[in-house]
C-alpha atoms as a PDB file:
ATOM      1  CA  MET A   1      83.748  73.553  73.704  1.00  0.00           C
ATOM      2  CA  GLY A   2      87.488  74.412  74.568  1.00  0.00           C
ATOM      3  CA  SER A   3      88.628  78.068  74.656  1.00  0.00           C
ATOM      4  CA  THR A   4      89.505  79.210  70.348  1.00  0.00           C
ATOM      5  CA  ASN A   5      90.458  82.415  69.646  1.00  0.00           C
ATOM      6  CA  LEU A   6      87.540  83.807  67.452  1.00  0.00           C
ATOM      7  CA  LYS A   7      86.672  86.906  65.549  1.00  0.00           C
ATOM      8  CA  ARG A   8      83.133  88.593  66.670  1.00  0.00           C
ATOM      9  CA  GLU A   9      81.604  87.785  63.738  1.00  0.00           C
ATOM     10  CA  GLU A  10      82.930  83.497  64.156  1.00  0.00           C
ATOM     11  CA  GLN A  11      81.574  83.566  67.494  1.00  0.00           C
ATOM     12  CA  GLU A  12      78.270  85.081  66.661  1.00  0.00           C
ATOM     13  CA  LEU A  13      78.283  82.489  64.171  1.00  0.00           C
ATOM     14  CA  LEU A  14      79.304  79.727  66.362  1.00  0.00           C
ATOM     15  CA  GLU A  15      76.572  80.765  69.280  1.00  0.00           C
ATOM     16  CA  ALA A  16      73.831  80.790  66.032  1.00  0.00           C
ATOM     17  CA  TYR A  17      74.717  77.497  65.086  1.00  0.00           C
ATOM     18  CA  GLU A  18      74.692  75.731  68.755  1.00  0.00           C
ATOM     19  CA  ALA A  19      71.403  77.376  69.242  1.00  0.00           C
ATOM     20  CA  GLY A  20      69.962  75.400  66.404  1.00  0.00           C
ATOM     21  CA  GLU A  21      69.108  79.049  64.222  1.00  0.00           C
ATOM     22  CA  PHE A  22      70.816  77.005  61.364  1.00  0.00           C
ATOM     23  CA  GLN A  23      68.099  75.427  58.957  1.00  0.00           C
ATOM     24  CA  PRO A  24      69.027  73.273  55.620  1.00  0.00           C
ATOM     25  CA  ASP A  25      67.395  74.207  52.813  1.00  0.00           C
ATOM     26  CA  LEU A  26      67.963  71.400  50.466  1.00  0.00           C
ATOM     27  CA  ASP A  27      65.039  69.343  49.960  1.00  0.00           C
ATOM     28  CA  ASP A  28      64.955  65.280  50.261  1.00  0.00           C
ATOM     29  CA  GLU A  29      65.511  64.709  46.562  1.00  0.00           C
ATOM     30  CA  ARG A  30      68.400  67.343  46.285  1.00  0.00           C
ATOM     31  CA  ARG A  31      69.886  65.602  48.951  1.00  0.00           C
ATOM     32  CA  LYS A  32      69.458  62.375  47.286  1.00  0.00           C
ATOM     33  CA  PHE A  33      71.533  63.493  44.440  1.00  0.00           C
ATOM     34  CA  ILE A  34      74.246  64.748  46.278  1.00  0.00           C
ATOM     35  CA  ALA A  35      74.425  62.061  48.383  1.00  0.00           C
ATOM     36  CA  LYS A  36      74.107  59.805  45.081  1.00  0.00           C
ATOM     37  CA  THR A  37      76.542  62.024  43.582  1.00  0.00           C
ATOM     38  CA  ALA A  38      78.932  62.077  46.245  1.00  0.00           C
ATOM     39  CA  GLU A  39      78.990  58.127  46.400  1.00  0.00           C
ATOM     40  CA  ASP A  40      79.240  57.603  42.297  1.00  0.00           C
ATOM     41  CA  ALA A  41      82.384  59.936  42.719  1.00  0.00           C
ATOM     42  CA  PHE A  42      83.980  58.149  45.054  1.00  0.00           C
ATOM     43  CA  LYS A  43      83.659  54.169  43.904  1.00  0.00           C
ATOM     44  CA  LYS A  44      86.473  52.864  42.575  1.00  0.00           C
ATOM     45  CA  ASP A  45      84.854  50.067  40.457  1.00  0.00           C
ATOM     46  CA  LYS A  46      88.074  49.625  37.737  1.00  0.00           C
ATOM     47  CA  ARG A  47      91.026  48.492  37.631  1.00  0.00           C
ATOM     48  CA  ILE A  48      94.124  49.674  35.188  1.00  0.00           C
ATOM     49  CA  ASN A  49      97.510  48.139  34.671  1.00  0.00           C
ATOM     50  CA  ILE A  50     100.206  50.995  34.149  1.00  0.00           C
ATOM     51  CA  ARG A  51     103.870  50.918  33.816  1.00  0.00           C
ATOM     52  CA  ILE A  52     106.484  54.141  34.417  1.00  0.00           C
ATOM     53  CA  SER A  53     109.524  54.358  35.554  1.00  0.00           C
ATOM     54  CA  SER A  54     110.772  53.370  38.935  1.00  0.00           C
ATOM     55  CA  ARG A  55     112.009  56.909  39.256  1.00  0.00           C
ATOM     56  CA  ASP A  56     108.345  58.375  38.850  1.00  0.00           C
ATOM     57  CA  LEU A  57     107.354  55.091  40.814  1.00  0.00           C
ATOM     58  CA  GLU A  58     109.824  56.119  43.818  1.00  0.00           C
ATOM     59  CA  ALA A  59     108.587  59.928  43.849  1.00  0.00           C
ATOM     60  CA  LEU A  60     104.665  58.787  43.666  1.00  0.00           C
ATOM     61  CA  GLN A  61     105.348  56.803  46.960  1.00  0.00           C
ATOM     62  CA  ARG A  62     107.544  59.698  49.160  1.00  0.00           C
ATOM     63  CA  ARG A  63     104.854  62.177  48.076  1.00  0.00           C
ATOM     64  CA  ALA A  64     102.657  59.794  48.838  1.00  0.00           C
ATOM     65  CA  LEU A  65     104.194  59.443  52.026  1.00  0.00           C
ATOM     66  CA  GLU A  66     104.229  63.550  52.589  1.00  0.00           C
ATOM     67  CA  GLU A  67     100.641  63.796  52.524  1.00  0.00           C
ATOM     68  CA  GLY A  68     100.194  60.697  54.461  1.00  0.00           C
ATOM     69  CA  LEU A  69      97.936  58.100  52.071  1.00  0.00           C
ATOM     70  CA  PRO A  70      98.883  55.231  50.032  1.00  0.00           C
ATOM     71  CA  TYR A  71     100.522  56.032  46.871  1.00  0.00           C
ATOM     72  CA  GLN A  72      97.394  54.410  44.691  1.00  0.00           C
ATOM     73  CA  SER A  73      95.236  56.822  45.924  1.00  0.00           C
ATOM     74  CA  LEU A  74      97.281  59.736  45.194  1.00  0.00           C
ATOM     75  CA  VAL A  75      97.528  58.387  41.383  1.00  0.00           C
ATOM     76  CA  SER A  76      93.701  58.081  41.872  1.00  0.00           C
ATOM     77  CA  SER A  77      93.452  61.401  43.328  1.00  0.00           C
ATOM     78  CA  VAL A  78      95.721  63.026  40.540  1.00  0.00           C
ATOM     79  CA  LEU A  79      94.035  61.391  37.782  1.00  0.00           C
ATOM     80  CA  HIS A  80      90.594  62.414  38.797  1.00  0.00           C
ATOM     81  CA  LYS A  81      91.703  66.116  39.203  1.00  0.00           C
ATOM     82  CA  TYR A  82      92.996  65.768  35.540  1.00  0.00           C
ATOM     83  CA  VAL A  83      89.878  64.490  34.277  1.00  0.00           C
ATOM     84  CA  SER A  84      87.869  66.365  36.140  1.00  0.00           C
ATOM     85  CA  GLY A  85      89.245  70.048  35.420  1.00  0.00           C
ATOM     86  CA  GLY A  86      91.193  70.233  38.316  1.00  0.00           C
ATOM     87  CA  LEU A  87      94.765  70.251  36.972  1.00  0.00           C
ATOM     88  CA  LYS A  88      96.080  71.740  33.687  1.00  0.00           C
ATOM     89  CA  ASP A  89      98.780  70.453  31.266  1.00  0.00           C
ATOM     90  CA  ILE A  90     101.111  73.338  31.376  1.00  0.00           C
ATOM     91  CA  SER A  91     103.382  71.468  29.290  1.00  0.00           C
ATOM     92  CA  ALA A  92     101.268  71.618  26.367  1.00  0.00           C
ATOM     93  CA  ASN A  93     101.636  75.869  26.447  1.00  0.00           C
ATOM     94  CA  LYS A  94     105.110  75.442  26.389  1.00  0.00           C
ATOM     95  CA  SER A  95     105.662  73.689  23.778  1.00  0.00           C
ATOM     96  CA  GLY A  96     103.311  76.139  21.702  1.00  0.00           C
ATOM     97  CA  GLN A  97     100.065  74.054  21.373  1.00  0.00           C
ATOM     98  CA  GLN A  98      96.322  74.961  21.390  1.00  0.00           C
ATOM     99  CA  THR A  99      94.348  74.308  24.763  1.00  0.00           C
ATOM    100  CA  ARG A 100      90.874  74.350  24.152  1.00  0.00           C
END
């Protein structure tokens, strides 16, 4: 491994890992459940068509370029984060509407 500047605690953890002192605490059933959940989360099995302004599309494409991914992937990621609670609609709070 190359030379890195690790703190003492980080170096101890690295050495313990490399010595095989860490053991997973997942049983086979939990491991399979996590793998299936991850697979389902990334499965893209539906297509949608939307109409947006050219200005918004260009802004999405610019932002995606900055992030280094296709703009469709960025849109999909933003929608996923929103529906899973990772993004909040701040405009609802500004207009005085109640959020749940």
